[in-house]
């Protein structure tokens, strides 16, 4: 047996609005739309990971999703253009990542990060 996919499911009254956020900010594309549920993806095969935490690090709350990007500043510019409130950061953490927290339109706390070289 092998795990083929893990999908985070975020409850919202407006799936289209939330999907549009992830399209606009992260460049994800809709891969399934049944109206009541919309799935977005970066590609057909994405790494499968699950983290279990008592806190989000540096005394922050545990985010619901951590999204690693290749260009943190580019995503930050999109966040600012979309007038999305930054909840934490940007900050260089002692464990080797630069990150910031925002919330999507459903209120989901997101940890947007990039590993420092």
Protein backbone atom coordinates (compact mmCIF):
# COMPACT_ATOMS: atom_id res chain seq x y z
CA UNK A 1 0.00 0.00 0.00
CA UNK A 2 1.18 3.52 -0.78
CA UNK A 3 -0.43 6.89 -0.26
CA UNK A 4 -1.23 8.44 -3.62
CA UNK A 5 -2.52 11.81 -2.48
CA UNK A 6 -3.39 13.86 0.58
CA UNK A 7 -5.76 16.78 0.07
CA UNK A 8 -6.41 19.49 2.64
CA UNK A 9 -10.14 20.28 2.76
CA UNK A 10 -11.08 23.80 3.88
CA UNK A 11 -14.70 24.47 4.83
CA UNK A 12 -16.14 27.63 3.29
CA UNK A 13 -19.49 29.01 2.19
CA UNK A 14 -17.85 30.33 -1.00
CA UNK A 15 -15.52 27.80 -2.70
CA UNK A 16 -15.18 29.99 -5.83
CA UNK A 17 -13.86 32.96 -3.83
CA UNK A 18 -11.35 30.83 -1.94
CA UNK A 19 -10.22 29.02 -5.12
CA UNK A 20 -9.73 32.40 -6.82
CA UNK A 21 -7.47 33.49 -3.92
CA UNK A 22 -5.21 30.46 -4.39
CA UNK A 23 -5.19 30.97 -8.17
CA UNK A 24 -4.30 34.69 -7.84
CA UNK A 25 -1.72 34.43 -5.05
CA UNK A 26 -0.07 31.06 -5.77
CA UNK A 27 -0.82 30.44 -9.46
CA UNK A 28 -2.63 27.19 -8.71
CA UNK A 29 -5.15 25.94 -11.24
CA UNK A 30 -8.56 24.39 -10.82
CA UNK A 31 -8.37 20.64 -11.42
CA UNK A 32 -11.89 19.78 -10.23
CA UNK A 33 -15.06 21.87 -9.88
CA UNK A 34 -18.33 20.33 -8.70
CA UNK A 35 -19.72 23.63 -7.40
CA UNK A 36 -19.88 22.54 -3.76
CA UNK A 37 -16.19 21.56 -3.87
CA UNK A 38 -13.36 22.98 -5.97
CA UNK A 39 -9.85 21.52 -5.96
CA UNK A 40 -6.79 23.50 -7.04
CA UNK A 41 -3.33 22.10 -7.66
CA UNK A 42 0.17 23.12 -8.67
CA UNK A 43 0.53 20.04 -10.84
CA UNK A 44 -0.41 16.41 -11.13
CA UNK A 45 2.21 15.22 -8.65
CA UNK A 46 2.88 17.23 -5.52
CA UNK A 47 4.83 16.07 -2.46
CA UNK A 48 2.75 14.46 0.25
CA UNK A 49 3.53 15.65 3.76
CA UNK A 50 1.68 16.02 7.04
CA UNK A 51 3.05 17.94 10.03
CA UNK A 52 1.92 17.59 13.65
CA UNK A 53 2.72 20.53 15.93
CA UNK A 54 2.12 22.01 19.38
CA UNK A 55 2.82 25.51 18.02
CA UNK A 56 3.75 27.19 14.76
CA UNK A 57 7.29 28.04 15.90
CA UNK A 58 8.53 31.28 17.49
CA UNK A 59 5.41 31.27 19.68
CA UNK A 60 2.99 31.49 16.74
CA UNK A 61 -0.27 29.55 16.38
CA UNK A 62 -0.18 26.37 14.31
CA UNK A 63 -1.11 27.25 10.72
CA UNK A 64 -3.63 25.04 8.91
CA UNK A 65 -1.47 24.93 5.76
CA UNK A 66 2.20 25.52 5.05
CA UNK A 67 2.91 26.48 1.46
CA UNK A 68 6.53 26.48 0.32
CA UNK A 69 7.20 28.72 -2.68
CA UNK A 70 10.30 29.31 -4.79
CA UNK A 71 10.01 33.13 -4.70
CA UNK A 72 8.71 34.44 -1.39
CA UNK A 73 9.00 38.11 -2.41
CA UNK A 74 6.92 37.56 -5.57
CA UNK A 75 4.14 35.97 -3.53
CA UNK A 76 4.43 38.73 -0.92
CA UNK A 77 3.89 41.32 -3.66
CA UNK A 78 0.72 39.48 -4.74
CA UNK A 79 -0.46 39.34 -1.12
CA UNK A 80 0.06 43.09 -0.76
CA UNK A 81 -1.58 43.84 -4.14
CA UNK A 82 -4.60 41.80 -3.03
CA UNK A 83 -4.64 43.75 0.27
CA UNK A 84 -4.39 40.54 2.28
CA UNK A 85 -3.44 41.25 5.92
CA UNK A 86 -0.10 39.80 7.01
CA UNK A 87 -0.62 38.15 10.40
CA UNK A 88 3.07 37.43 11.15
CA UNK A 89 6.39 38.30 9.52
CA UNK A 90 8.03 38.32 7.09
CA UNK A 91 10.75 36.93 9.32
CA UNK A 92 13.91 34.84 9.03
CA UNK A 93 13.47 31.97 11.48
CA UNK A 94 16.41 30.32 13.29
CA UNK A 95 15.61 26.93 11.68
CA UNK A 96 16.45 28.22 8.19
CA UNK A 97 13.23 29.48 6.65
CA UNK A 98 11.91 32.92 5.77
CA UNK A 99 8.14 33.11 6.17
CA UNK A 100 4.98 35.02 6.89
CA UNK A 101 1.41 34.14 7.83
CA UNK A 102 -1.78 35.29 6.09
CA UNK A 103 -5.39 34.12 6.09
CA UNK A 104 -7.33 33.05 3.01
CA UNK A 105 -10.92 34.28 2.51
CA UNK A 106 -12.20 31.29 4.55
CA UNK A 107 -10.05 32.41 7.51
CA UNK A 108 -7.52 29.59 7.11
CA UNK A 109 -4.14 30.50 8.60
CA UNK A 110 -1.41 29.97 5.99
CA UNK A 111 2.33 29.72 6.59
CA UNK A 112 4.00 30.90 3.37
CA UNK A 113 7.67 30.01 3.39
CA UNK A 114 10.90 29.55 1.53
CA UNK A 115 13.97 27.67 2.74
CA UNK A 116 16.96 29.96 2.88
CA UNK A 117 19.92 28.83 0.77
